[in-house]
Amino acid sequence: MNDERHSVSSGDRLRDSKDKQVGIRWPIALDQRLDDLVERANNAGASTTRRETIAAILLVADHTGEELVEILISYRRALVRDALLEVSDADVIQFKAHRPGPRGSS
């Protein structure tokens, strides 16, 4: 068992505090949804990134265990079209292919 610990001052600004890289493998439709959310925020003047957007969403997520169960059940039942921010009645959805790494501005 690894007992390694990281120390961070609780008074540090969260966005500037020590970070950790995480590897996430998720559906392409959710990856596109994140890009669309970042684009929405940037169109509103946020000048943000995927990383910052995910971090901000996680910060405000404060659900009970029961609420998390409902969210997980909803995710497990969701269809690809449910991840789209814009309604589509297409049978096949085309998503942009991206290489790993930071996204350039579109």
C-alpha atoms as a PDB file:
ATOM      1  CA  MET A   1       0.000   0.000   0.000  1.00  0.00           C
ATOM      2  CA  ASN A   2       1.257   3.474  -0.906  1.00  0.00           C
ATOM      3  CA  ASP A   3       1.131   5.940   2.001  1.00  0.00           C
ATOM      4  CA  GLU A   4       2.585   8.844  -0.014  1.00  0.00           C
ATOM      5  CA  ARG A   5       0.915  12.155   0.828  1.00  0.00           C
ATOM      6  CA  HIS A   6       0.806  15.550  -0.849  1.00  0.00           C
ATOM      7  CA  SER A   7       0.680  18.735   1.198  1.00  0.00           C
ATOM      8  CA  VAL A   8      -1.154  21.786  -0.088  1.00  0.00           C
ATOM      9  CA  SER A   9      -1.955  24.971   1.818  1.00  0.00           C
ATOM     10  CA  SER A  10      -5.726  25.252   2.286  1.00  0.00           C
ATOM     11  CA  GLY A  11      -5.441  29.002   1.661  1.00  0.00           C
ATOM     12  CA  ASP A  12      -3.912  28.634  -1.799  1.00  0.00           C
ATOM     13  CA  ARG A  13      -6.015  29.579  -4.793  1.00  0.00           C
ATOM     14  CA  LEU A  14      -7.352  26.236  -6.046  1.00  0.00           C
ATOM     15  CA  ARG A  15      -6.570  26.868  -9.711  1.00  0.00           C
ATOM     16  CA  ASP A  16      -2.918  27.552  -8.829  1.00  0.00           C
ATOM     17  CA  SER A  17      -2.460  24.712  -6.331  1.00  0.00           C
ATOM     18  CA  LYS A  18      -0.488  21.522  -6.897  1.00  0.00           C
ATOM     19  CA  ASP A  19      -2.102  19.460  -9.627  1.00  0.00           C
ATOM     20  CA  LYS A  20      -2.311  15.831 -10.658  1.00  0.00           C
ATOM     21  CA  GLN A  21      -2.620  14.462 -14.157  1.00  0.00           C
ATOM     22  CA  VAL A  22      -5.451  11.996 -14.578  1.00  0.00           C
ATOM     23  CA  GLY A  23      -6.099   9.641 -17.436  1.00  0.00           C
ATOM     24  CA  ILE A  24      -9.722   9.422 -18.456  1.00  0.00           C
ATOM     25  CA  ARG A  25     -11.167   7.153 -21.088  1.00  0.00           C
ATOM     26  CA  TRP A  26     -14.731   8.123 -21.909  1.00  0.00           C
ATOM     27  CA  PRO A  27     -17.237   8.125 -24.762  1.00  0.00           C
ATOM     28  CA  ILE A  28     -16.448  10.343 -27.742  1.00  0.00           C
ATOM     29  CA  ALA A  29     -19.858  11.980 -27.373  1.00  0.00           C
ATOM     30  CA  LEU A  30     -18.930  13.223 -23.878  1.00  0.00           C
ATOM     31  CA  ASP A  31     -15.596  14.483 -25.157  1.00  0.00           C
ATOM     32  CA  GLN A  32     -17.485  16.492 -27.781  1.00  0.00           C
ATOM     33  CA  ARG A  33     -19.883  17.718 -25.094  1.00  0.00           C
ATOM     34  CA  LEU A  34     -16.922  19.053 -23.112  1.00  0.00           C
ATOM     35  CA  ASP A  35     -15.601  20.848 -26.200  1.00  0.00           C
ATOM     36  CA  ASP A  36     -19.052  22.349 -26.753  1.00  0.00           C
ATOM     37  CA  LEU A  37     -19.269  23.515 -23.123  1.00  0.00           C
ATOM     38  CA  VAL A  38     -15.828  25.132 -23.388  1.00  0.00           C
ATOM     39  CA  GLU A  39     -16.920  26.837 -26.605  1.00  0.00           C
ATOM     40  CA  ARG A  40     -20.092  28.124 -24.912  1.00  0.00           C
ATOM     41  CA  ALA A  41     -18.078  29.515 -22.012  1.00  0.00           C
ATOM     42  CA  ASN A  42     -15.530  31.115 -24.323  1.00  0.00           C
ATOM     43  CA  ASN A  43     -18.274  32.659 -26.467  1.00  0.00           C
ATOM     44  CA  ALA A  44     -19.566  34.229 -23.252  1.00  0.00           C
ATOM     45  CA  GLY A  45     -16.100  35.672 -22.536  1.00  0.00           C
ATOM     46  CA  ALA A  46     -14.614  33.063 -20.174  1.00  0.00           C
ATOM     47  CA  SER A  47     -11.332  32.375 -22.019  1.00  0.00           C
ATOM     48  CA  THR A  48     -11.204  28.893 -20.485  1.00  0.00           C
ATOM     49  CA  THR A  49      -9.856  25.427 -21.236  1.00  0.00           C
ATOM     50  CA  ARG A  50     -11.121  21.858 -21.038  1.00  0.00           C
ATOM     51  CA  ARG A  51      -9.071  21.327 -17.882  1.00  0.00           C
ATOM     52  CA  GLU A  52     -10.432  24.404 -16.138  1.00  0.00           C
ATOM     53  CA  THR A  53     -14.005  23.652 -17.214  1.00  0.00           C
ATOM     54  CA  ILE A  54     -13.904  20.112 -15.825  1.00  0.00           C
ATOM     55  CA  ALA A  55     -12.309  21.369 -12.593  1.00  0.00           C
ATOM     56  CA  ALA A  56     -14.993  24.047 -12.173  1.00  0.00           C
ATOM     57  CA  ILE A  57     -17.798  21.537 -12.751  1.00  0.00           C
ATOM     58  CA  LEU A  58     -16.259  19.137 -10.210  1.00  0.00           C
ATOM     59  CA  LEU A  59     -15.923  21.928  -7.668  1.00  0.00           C
ATOM     60  CA  VAL A  60     -19.651  22.672  -7.679  1.00  0.00           C
ATOM     61  CA  ALA A  61     -20.705  18.991  -7.718  1.00  0.00           C
ATOM     62  CA  ASP A  62     -21.797  18.141  -4.185  1.00  0.00           C
ATOM     63  CA  HIS A  63     -24.258  15.262  -4.336  1.00  0.00           C
ATOM     64  CA  THR A  64     -25.356  12.792  -1.704  1.00  0.00           C
ATOM     65  CA  GLY A  65     -24.575   9.120  -2.207  1.00  0.00           C
ATOM     66  CA  GLU A  66     -28.176   8.496  -3.234  1.00  0.00           C
ATOM     67  CA  GLU A  67     -28.078  11.343  -5.755  1.00  0.00           C
ATOM     68  CA  LEU A  68     -24.853   9.942  -7.194  1.00  0.00           C
ATOM     69  CA  VAL A  69     -26.508   6.539  -7.612  1.00  0.00           C
ATOM     70  CA  GLU A  70     -29.326   8.197  -9.597  1.00  0.00           C
ATOM     71  CA  ILE A  71     -26.810  10.108 -11.723  1.00  0.00           C
ATOM     72  CA  LEU A  72     -24.872   6.901 -12.423  1.00  0.00           C
ATOM     73  CA  ILE A  73     -28.030   5.015 -13.357  1.00  0.00           C
ATOM     74  CA  SER A  74     -28.995   7.857 -15.688  1.00  0.00           C
ATOM     75  CA  TYR A  75     -25.531   7.771 -17.301  1.00  0.00           C
ATOM     76  CA  ARG A  76     -25.661   4.009 -17.741  1.00  0.00           C
ATOM     77  CA  ARG A  77     -29.015   4.269 -19.513  1.00  0.00           C
ATOM     78  CA  ALA A  78     -28.118   7.312 -21.626  1.00  0.00           C
ATOM     79  CA  LEU A  79     -27.929   7.165 -25.397  1.00  0.00           C
ATOM     80  CA  VAL A  80     -25.293   8.939 -27.484  1.00  0.00           C
ATOM     81  CA  ARG A  81     -27.862  11.575 -28.479  1.00  0.00           C
ATOM     82  CA  ASP A  82     -28.365  12.407 -24.787  1.00  0.00           C
ATOM     83  CA  ALA A  83     -24.808  13.765 -24.636  1.00  0.00           C
ATOM     84  CA  LEU A  84     -25.401  16.281 -27.421  1.00  0.00           C
ATOM     85  CA  LEU A  85     -25.999  19.874 -26.368  1.00  0.00           C
ATOM     86  CA  GLU A  86     -27.955  20.506 -29.565  1.00  0.00           C
ATOM     87  CA  VAL A  87     -30.891  18.287 -30.448  1.00  0.00           C
ATOM     88  CA  SER A  88     -30.297  15.925 -33.351  1.00  0.00           C
ATOM     89  CA  ASP A  89     -32.581  13.340 -34.874  1.00  0.00           C
ATOM     90  CA  ALA A  90     -29.775  11.824 -36.952  1.00  0.00           C
ATOM     91  CA  ASP A  91     -29.264   8.071 -36.734  1.00  0.00           C
ATOM     92  CA  VAL A  92     -25.482   8.497 -36.978  1.00  0.00           C
ATOM     93  CA  ILE A  93     -23.570  11.364 -35.377  1.00  0.00           C
ATOM     94  CA  GLN A  94     -20.225  12.541 -36.767  1.00  0.00           C
ATOM     95  CA  PHE A  95     -17.701  13.840 -34.229  1.00  0.00           C
ATOM     96  CA  LYS A  96     -14.457  15.691 -34.896  1.00  0.00           C
ATOM     97  CA  ALA A  97     -11.355  13.557 -34.440  1.00  0.00           C
ATOM     98  CA  HIS A  98      -8.742  15.121 -32.130  1.00  0.00           C
ATOM     99  CA  ARG A  99      -5.199  14.146 -31.319  1.00  0.00           C
ATOM    100  CA  PRO A 100      -4.263  13.858 -27.645  1.00  0.00           C
ATOM    101  CA  GLY A 101      -3.077  17.038 -25.962  1.00  0.00           C
ATOM    102  CA  PRO A 102      -4.308  20.602 -25.573  1.00  0.00           C
ATOM    103  CA  ARG A 103      -6.880  21.822 -28.066  1.00  0.00           C
ATOM    104  CA  GLY A 104      -6.195  24.881 -30.145  1.00  0.00           C
ATOM    105  CA  SER A 105      -8.808  27.586 -30.328  1.00  0.00           C
ATOM    106  CA  SER A 106     -11.370  26.968 -33.062  1.00  0.00           C
END
